[in-house]
PDB file of N, CA and C in Angstrom:
ATOM      1  N   MET A   1       0.263  -1.011  -0.233  1.00  0.00           N
ATOM      2  CA  MET A   1       0.178  -0.309  -0.071  1.00  0.00           C
ATOM      3  C   MET A   1       0.652   1.576  -0.015  1.00  0.00           C
ATOM      4  N   ARG A   2       0.743   2.402  -0.683  1.00  0.00           N
ATOM      5  CA  ARG A   2       1.421   3.455  -0.705  1.00  0.00           C
ATOM      6  C   ARG A   2       1.092   4.017   0.208  1.00  0.00           C
ATOM      7  N   VAL A   3       2.242   4.897   1.288  1.00  0.00           N
ATOM      8  CA  VAL A   3       1.794   5.810   1.835  1.00  0.00           C
ATOM      9  C   VAL A   3       2.717   6.959   1.659  1.00  0.00           C
ATOM     10  N   ARG A   4       2.524   8.273   2.825  1.00  0.00           N
ATOM     11  CA  ARG A   4       2.986   9.244   2.338  1.00  0.00           C
ATOM     12  C   ARG A   4       4.525   9.127   2.325  1.00  0.00           C
ATOM     13  N   PRO A   5       5.526   9.509   1.755  1.00  0.00           N
ATOM     14  CA  PRO A   5       6.885   9.420   1.969  1.00  0.00           C
ATOM     15  C   PRO A   5       7.735   9.654   3.553  1.00  0.00           C
ATOM     16  N   TYR A   6       8.268   8.766   3.591  1.00  0.00           N
ATOM     17  CA  TYR A   6       9.274   9.152   5.157  1.00  0.00           C
ATOM     18  C   TYR A   6      10.388   8.357   5.119  1.00  0.00           C
ATOM     19  N   HIS A   7      11.168   9.008   5.938  1.00  0.00           N
ATOM     20  CA  HIS A   7      12.545   7.840   6.031  1.00  0.00           C
ATOM     21  C   HIS A   7      13.266   8.223   7.482  1.00  0.00           C
ATOM     22  N   SER A   8      14.177   7.697   7.593  1.00  0.00           N
ATOM     23  CA  SER A   8      14.558   7.290   8.998  1.00  0.00           C
ATOM     24  C   SER A   8      15.745   8.748   8.935  1.00  0.00           C
ATOM     25  N   ALA A   9      15.464   9.125  10.797  1.00  0.00           N
ATOM     26  CA  ALA A   9      15.897  10.034  11.508  1.00  0.00           C
ATOM     27  C   ALA A   9      17.399  10.044  11.505  1.00  0.00           C
ATOM     28  N   ARG A  10      17.781   8.990  11.736  1.00  0.00           N
ATOM     29  CA  ARG A  10      19.128   8.660  12.148  1.00  0.00           C
ATOM     30  C   ARG A  10      20.116   8.959  11.159  1.00  0.00           C
ATOM     31  N   SER A  11      21.573   9.611  11.359  1.00  0.00           N
ATOM     32  CA  SER A  11      22.242   9.673  10.461  1.00  0.00           C
ATOM     33  C   SER A  11      23.292   8.509  10.135  1.00  0.00           C
ATOM     34  N   THR A  12      23.060   7.397  10.507  1.00  0.00           N
ATOM     35  CA  THR A  12      23.971   6.251  10.786  1.00  0.00           C
ATOM     36  C   THR A  12      23.324   5.507   9.488  1.00  0.00           C
ATOM     37  N   ALA A  13      21.617   5.880   9.042  1.00  0.00           N
ATOM     38  CA  ALA A  13      20.776   4.607   8.455  1.00  0.00           C
ATOM     39  C   ALA A  13      21.251   5.343   7.119  1.00  0.00           C
ATOM     40  N   VAL A  14      20.353   4.672   6.348  1.00  0.00           N
ATOM     41  CA  VAL A  14      20.715   4.282   4.699  1.00  0.00           C
ATOM     42  C   VAL A  14      20.100   5.672   4.712  1.00  0.00           C
ATOM     43  N   HIS A  15      20.526   6.727   3.182  1.00  0.00           N
ATOM     44  CA  HIS A  15      19.876   7.734   3.236  1.00  0.00           C
ATOM     45  C   HIS A  15      18.580   7.563   1.784  1.00  0.00           C
ATOM     46  N   VAL A  16      17.762   6.485   2.272  1.00  0.00           N
ATOM     47  CA  VAL A  16      16.171   6.683   1.545  1.00  0.00           C
ATOM     48  C   VAL A  16      15.347   6.699   1.773  1.00  0.00           C
ATOM     49  N   TYR A  17      14.040   6.684   1.068  1.00  0.00           N
ATOM     50  CA  TYR A  17      12.983   6.989   1.488  1.00  0.00           C
ATOM     51  C   TYR A  17      11.820   6.010   1.255  1.00  0.00           C
ATOM     52  N   HIS A  18      10.765   5.949   1.797  1.00  0.00           N
ATOM     53  CA  HIS A  18      10.433   4.648   2.044  1.00  0.00           C
ATOM     54  C   HIS A  18       8.477   5.583   1.165  1.00  0.00           C
ATOM     55  N   GLU A  19       7.952   4.768   0.161  1.00  0.00           N
ATOM     56  CA  GLU A  19       7.112   5.435  -0.221  1.00  0.00           C
ATOM     57  C   GLU A  19       5.827   3.778  -0.381  1.00  0.00           C
ATOM     58  N   ASP A  20       6.186   2.644   0.721  1.00  0.00           N
ATOM     59  CA  ASP A  20       5.318   1.702   0.497  1.00  0.00           C
ATOM     60  C   ASP A  20       5.604   0.618   1.537  1.00  0.00           C
ATOM     61  N   ASP A  21       4.023   0.823   2.071  1.00  0.00           N
ATOM     62  CA  ASP A  21       3.785   0.282   3.625  1.00  0.00           C
ATOM     63  C   ASP A  21       4.743  -1.284   3.406  1.00  0.00           C
ATOM     64  N   ASP A  22       4.986  -2.183   2.730  1.00  0.00           N
ATOM     65  CA  ASP A  22       5.139  -3.439   2.327  1.00  0.00           C
ATOM     66  C   ASP A  22       6.073  -3.419   2.269  1.00  0.00           C
ATOM     67  N   CYS A  23       7.147  -2.995   2.255  1.00  0.00           N
ATOM     68  CA  CYS A  23       8.703  -2.700   1.877  1.00  0.00           C
ATOM     69  C   CYS A  23       9.507  -3.028   3.303  1.00  0.00           C
ATOM     70  N   PRO A  24       9.747  -4.341   3.328  1.00  0.00           N
ATOM     71  CA  PRO A  24      10.779  -5.044   4.856  1.00  0.00           C
ATOM     72  C   PRO A  24      11.252  -3.567   5.153  1.00  0.00           C
ATOM     73  N   ALA A  25      12.111  -2.696   4.182  1.00  0.00           N
ATOM     74  CA  ALA A  25      13.522  -2.109   4.959  1.00  0.00           C
ATOM     75  C   ALA A  25      12.567  -0.731   5.979  1.00  0.00           C
ATOM     76  N   GLY A  26      11.410  -0.392   5.041  1.00  0.00           N
ATOM     77  CA  GLY A  26      10.806   0.165   5.773  1.00  0.00           C
ATOM     78  C   GLY A  26       9.865   0.234   7.265  1.00  0.00           C
ATOM     79  N   ARG A  27       9.642  -0.929   6.609  1.00  0.00           N
ATOM     80  CA  ARG A  27       8.949  -1.514   8.392  1.00  0.00           C
ATOM     81  C   ARG A  27      10.318  -1.820   9.295  1.00  0.00           C
ATOM     82  N   ALA A  28      11.252  -1.958   8.871  1.00  0.00           N
ATOM     83  CA  ALA A  28      12.225  -1.894  10.158  1.00  0.00           C
ATOM     84  C   ALA A  28      12.614  -0.699  10.939  1.00  0.00           C
ATOM     85  N   VAL A  29      11.919   0.593   9.954  1.00  0.00           N
ATOM     86  CA  VAL A  29      12.107   1.571  10.738  1.00  0.00           C
ATOM     87  C   VAL A  29      11.157   1.881  12.075  1.00  0.00           C
ATOM     88  N   PRO A  30      11.561   2.202  13.168  1.00  0.00           N
ATOM     89  CA  PRO A  30      11.000   2.384  14.252  1.00  0.00           C
ATOM     90  C   PRO A  30       9.848   3.877  14.198  1.00  0.00           C
ATOM     91  N   TRP A  31       9.276   3.272  14.636  1.00  0.00           N
ATOM     92  CA  TRP A  31       8.324   4.788  14.491  1.00  0.00           C
ATOM     93  C   TRP A  31       8.343   5.746  14.985  1.00  0.00           C
ATOM     94  N   PHE A  32       9.663   6.184  16.265  1.00  0.00           N
ATOM     95  CA  PHE A  32      10.506   7.278  16.613  1.00  0.00           C
ATOM     96  C   PHE A  32      11.278   7.469  15.659  1.00  0.00           C
ATOM     97  N   ASP A  33      11.075   7.201  14.565  1.00  0.00           N
ATOM     98  CA  ASP A  33      12.681   7.628  13.959  1.00  0.00           C
ATOM     99  C   ASP A  33      12.129   8.062  12.751  1.00  0.00           C
ATOM    100  N   LYS A  34      10.986   7.503  12.524  1.00  0.00           N
ATOM    101  CA  LYS A  34      10.382   7.968  11.069  1.00  0.00           C
ATOM    102  C   LYS A  34      10.099   9.704  11.236  1.00  0.00           C
ATOM    103  N   VAL A  35      10.556  10.120   9.546  1.00  0.00           N
ATOM    104  CA  VAL A  35      10.692  11.562   9.674  1.00  0.00           C
ATOM    105  C   VAL A  35       9.466  11.512   8.180  1.00  0.00           C
ATOM    106  N   GLU A  36       8.545  12.457   8.410  1.00  0.00           N
ATOM    107  CA  GLU A  36       7.964  12.534   6.935  1.00  0.00           C
ATOM    108  C   GLU A  36       8.692  13.313   5.954  1.00  0.00           C
ATOM    109  N   GLY A  37       8.107  12.704   4.718  1.00  0.00           N
ATOM    110  CA  GLY A  37       8.974  13.486   3.612  1.00  0.00           C
ATOM    111  C   GLY A  37      10.361  12.679   2.936  1.00  0.00           C
ATOM    112  N   ARG A  38      10.642  12.770   1.762  1.00  0.00           N
ATOM    113  CA  ARG A  38      12.143  12.900   0.987  1.00  0.00           C
ATOM    114  C   ARG A  38      13.302  13.757   1.775  1.00  0.00           C
ATOM    115  N   GLN A  39      13.038  14.799   1.820  1.00  0.00           N
ATOM    116  CA  GLN A  39      14.550  15.414   2.245  1.00  0.00           C
ATOM    117  C   GLN A  39      16.106  14.909   1.380  1.00  0.00           C
ATOM    118  N   ASP A  40      16.002  15.254   0.432  1.00  0.00           N
ATOM    119  CA  ASP A  40      17.333  15.002  -0.621  1.00  0.00           C
ATOM    120  C   ASP A  40      17.629  13.292  -0.820  1.00  0.00           C
ATOM    121  N   CYS A  41      16.647  12.516  -0.228  1.00  0.00           N
ATOM    122  CA  CYS A  41      16.959  11.059  -0.120  1.00  0.00           C
ATOM    123  C   CYS A  41      17.056  10.274  -1.438  1.00  0.00           C
ATOM    124  N   GLU A  42      17.604   9.170  -2.086  1.00  0.00           N
ATOM    125  CA  GLU A  42      16.880   8.539  -3.144  1.00  0.00           C
ATOM    126  C   GLU A  42      15.769   7.698  -2.549  1.00  0.00           C
ATOM    127  N   PRO A  43      14.835   7.084  -3.842  1.00  0.00           N
ATOM    128  CA  PRO A  43      13.884   6.254  -3.629  1.00  0.00           C
ATOM    129  C   PRO A  43      14.167   4.989  -2.829  1.00  0.00           C
ATOM    130  N   CYS A  44      13.719   4.338  -2.310  1.00  0.00           N
ATOM    131  CA  CYS A  44      14.161   2.881  -1.942  1.00  0.00           C
ATOM    132  C   CYS A  44      14.278   1.601  -2.894  1.00  0.00           C
ATOM    133  N   PRO A  45      14.863   1.231  -2.976  1.00  0.00           N
ATOM    134  CA  PRO A  45      15.079  -0.071  -4.359  1.00  0.00           C
ATOM    135  C   PRO A  45      13.530  -0.620  -3.995  1.00  0.00           C
ATOM    136  N   GLN A  46      13.459  -1.045  -2.956  1.00  0.00           N
ATOM    137  CA  GLN A  46      12.329  -2.230  -2.464  1.00  0.00           C
ATOM    138  C   GLN A  46      10.947  -1.370  -2.723  1.00  0.00           C
ATOM    139  N   CYS A  47      10.718  -0.118  -2.787  1.00  0.00           N
ATOM    140  CA  CYS A  47       9.697   0.432  -2.674  1.00  0.00           C
ATOM    141  C   CYS A  47       9.188   1.018  -4.222  1.00  0.00           C
ATOM    142  N   VAL A  48      10.740   0.866  -5.151  1.00  0.00           N
ATOM    143  CA  VAL A  48      10.395   1.112  -6.197  1.00  0.00           C
ATOM    144  C   VAL A  48      10.041  -0.434  -6.897  1.00  0.00           C
ATOM    145  N   ARG A  49      10.920  -1.372  -6.572  1.00  0.00           N
ATOM    146  CA  ARG A  49      10.624  -2.550  -7.046  1.00  0.00           C
ATOM    147  C   ARG A  49       8.955  -3.061  -7.150  1.00  0.00           C
ATOM    148  N   THR A  50       8.453  -2.710  -5.863  1.00  0.00           N
ATOM    149  CA  THR A  50       7.139  -2.980  -5.392  1.00  0.00           C
ATOM    150  C   THR A  50       6.036  -2.413  -6.243  1.00  0.00           C
ATOM    151  N   ALA A  51       6.604  -0.989  -6.430  1.00  0.00           N
ATOM    152  CA  ALA A  51       5.362  -0.089  -7.331  1.00  0.00           C
ATOM    153  C   ALA A  51       5.488  -0.399  -8.738  1.00  0.00           C
ATOM    154  N   THR A  52       6.233  -0.827  -9.162  1.00  0.00           N
ATOM    155  CA  THR A  52       6.565  -1.526 -10.638  1.00  0.00           C
ATOM    156  C   THR A  52       6.037  -2.931 -10.931  1.00  0.00           C
ATOM    157  N   THR A  53       6.148  -4.088 -10.114  1.00  0.00           N
ATOM    158  CA  THR A  53       5.430  -4.956 -10.414  1.00  0.00           C
ATOM    159  C   THR A  53       4.188  -5.305  -9.756  1.00  0.00           C
ATOM    160  N   CYS A  54       3.430  -4.389  -9.177  1.00  0.00           N
ATOM    161  CA  CYS A  54       2.283  -4.208  -8.743  1.00  0.00           C
ATOM    162  C   CYS A  54       1.484  -3.532  -9.287  1.00  0.00           C
ATOM    163  N   VAL A  55       0.104  -4.403 -10.039  1.00  0.00           N
ATOM    164  CA  VAL A  55      -0.307  -3.647 -11.156  1.00  0.00           C
ATOM    165  C   VAL A  55      -1.485  -2.691 -10.558  1.00  0.00           C
ATOM    166  N   ASP A  56      -1.869  -3.379  -9.324  1.00  0.00           N
ATOM    167  CA  ASP A  56      -2.813  -2.441  -8.386  1.00  0.00           C
ATOM    168  C   ASP A  56      -2.148  -1.087  -7.677  1.00  0.00           C
ATOM    169  N   HIS A  57      -1.022  -1.017  -7.524  1.00  0.00           N
ATOM    170  CA  HIS A  57      -0.236  -0.179  -7.071  1.00  0.00           C
ATOM    171  C   HIS A  57      -0.359   1.365  -7.386  1.00  0.00           C
ATOM    172  N   PRO A  58      -0.823   2.030  -6.674  1.00  0.00           N
ATOM    173  CA  PRO A  58      -1.454   3.375  -7.001  1.00  0.00           C
ATOM    174  C   PRO A  58       0.154   4.601  -8.322  1.00  0.00           C
ATOM    175  N   ALA A  59       1.212   3.883  -7.949  1.00  0.00           N
ATOM    176  CA  ALA A  59       2.130   4.352  -8.693  1.00  0.00           C
ATOM    177  C   ALA A  59       2.112   4.300  -9.821  1.00  0.00           C
ATOM    178  N   VAL A  60       1.908   2.549 -10.531  1.00  0.00           N
ATOM    179  CA  VAL A  60       1.907   2.268 -11.598  1.00  0.00           C
ATOM    180  C   VAL A  60       0.686   2.908 -12.386  1.00  0.00           C
ATOM    181  N   GLU A  61       1.208   3.658 -13.519  1.00  0.00           N
ATOM    182  CA  GLU A  61       0.059   3.970 -15.041  1.00  0.00           C
ATOM    183  C   GLU A  61      -0.361   3.290 -15.405  1.00  0.00           C
ATOM    184  N   HIS A  62      -1.619   3.538 -15.663  1.00  0.00           N
ATOM    185  CA  HIS A  62      -2.270   2.105 -16.644  1.00  0.00           C
ATOM    186  C   HIS A  62      -2.767   2.753 -17.885  1.00  0.00           C
ATOM    187  N   PRO A  63      -2.876   1.811 -18.595  1.00  0.00           N
ATOM    188  CA  PRO A  63      -2.618   2.471 -20.665  1.00  0.00           C
ATOM    189  C   PRO A  63      -4.076   2.620 -20.746  1.00  0.00           C
ATOM    190  N   ALA A  64      -5.164   2.672 -19.423  1.00  0.00           N
ATOM    191  CA  ALA A  64      -6.225   3.520 -19.743  1.00  0.00           C
ATOM    192  C   ALA A  64      -6.167   4.954 -19.445  1.00  0.00           C
ATOM    193  N   SER A  65      -5.395   4.887 -18.568  1.00  0.00           N
ATOM    194  CA  SER A  65      -5.039   6.297 -18.103  1.00  0.00           C
ATOM    195  C   SER A  65      -4.112   7.297 -17.972  1.00  0.00           C
ATOM    196  N   ALA A  66      -3.540   6.994 -19.543  1.00  0.00           N
ATOM    197  CA  ALA A  66      -2.357   7.483 -19.623  1.00  0.00           C
ATOM    198  C   ALA A  66      -2.655   8.440 -20.733  1.00  0.00           C
ATOM    199  N   GLY A  67      -2.557   9.637 -20.511  1.00  0.00           N
ATOM    200  CA  GLY A  67      -2.551  10.779 -21.367  1.00  0.00           C
ATOM    201  C   GLY A  67      -3.676  11.703 -20.998  1.00  0.00           C
ATOM    202  N   VAL A  68      -4.688  10.750 -19.998  1.00  0.00           N
ATOM    203  CA  VAL A  68      -5.828  11.656 -19.444  1.00  0.00           C
ATOM    204  C   VAL A  68      -5.497  12.698 -18.670  1.00  0.00           C
ATOM    205  N   SER A  69      -5.839  13.689 -18.606  1.00  0.00           N
ATOM    206  CA  SER A  69      -6.043  14.994 -17.717  1.00  0.00           C
ATOM    207  C   SER A  69      -7.448  14.898 -16.636  1.00  0.00           C
TER     208      SER A  69
END
């Protein structure tokens, strides 16, 4: 499930943001270390992979809706 972007507040953590609630790396971030936003982080590779492989994921553009405003 797509969620608002967040990343870890720890300076020692990998500098990526997460957008998928099913991402194992994102789930490993304790709630008290989560900071909302992207803050110059790269997207999490696992979140990107999940979004591109799941046809029902909101981040995937469907051919029927492509180019529709």
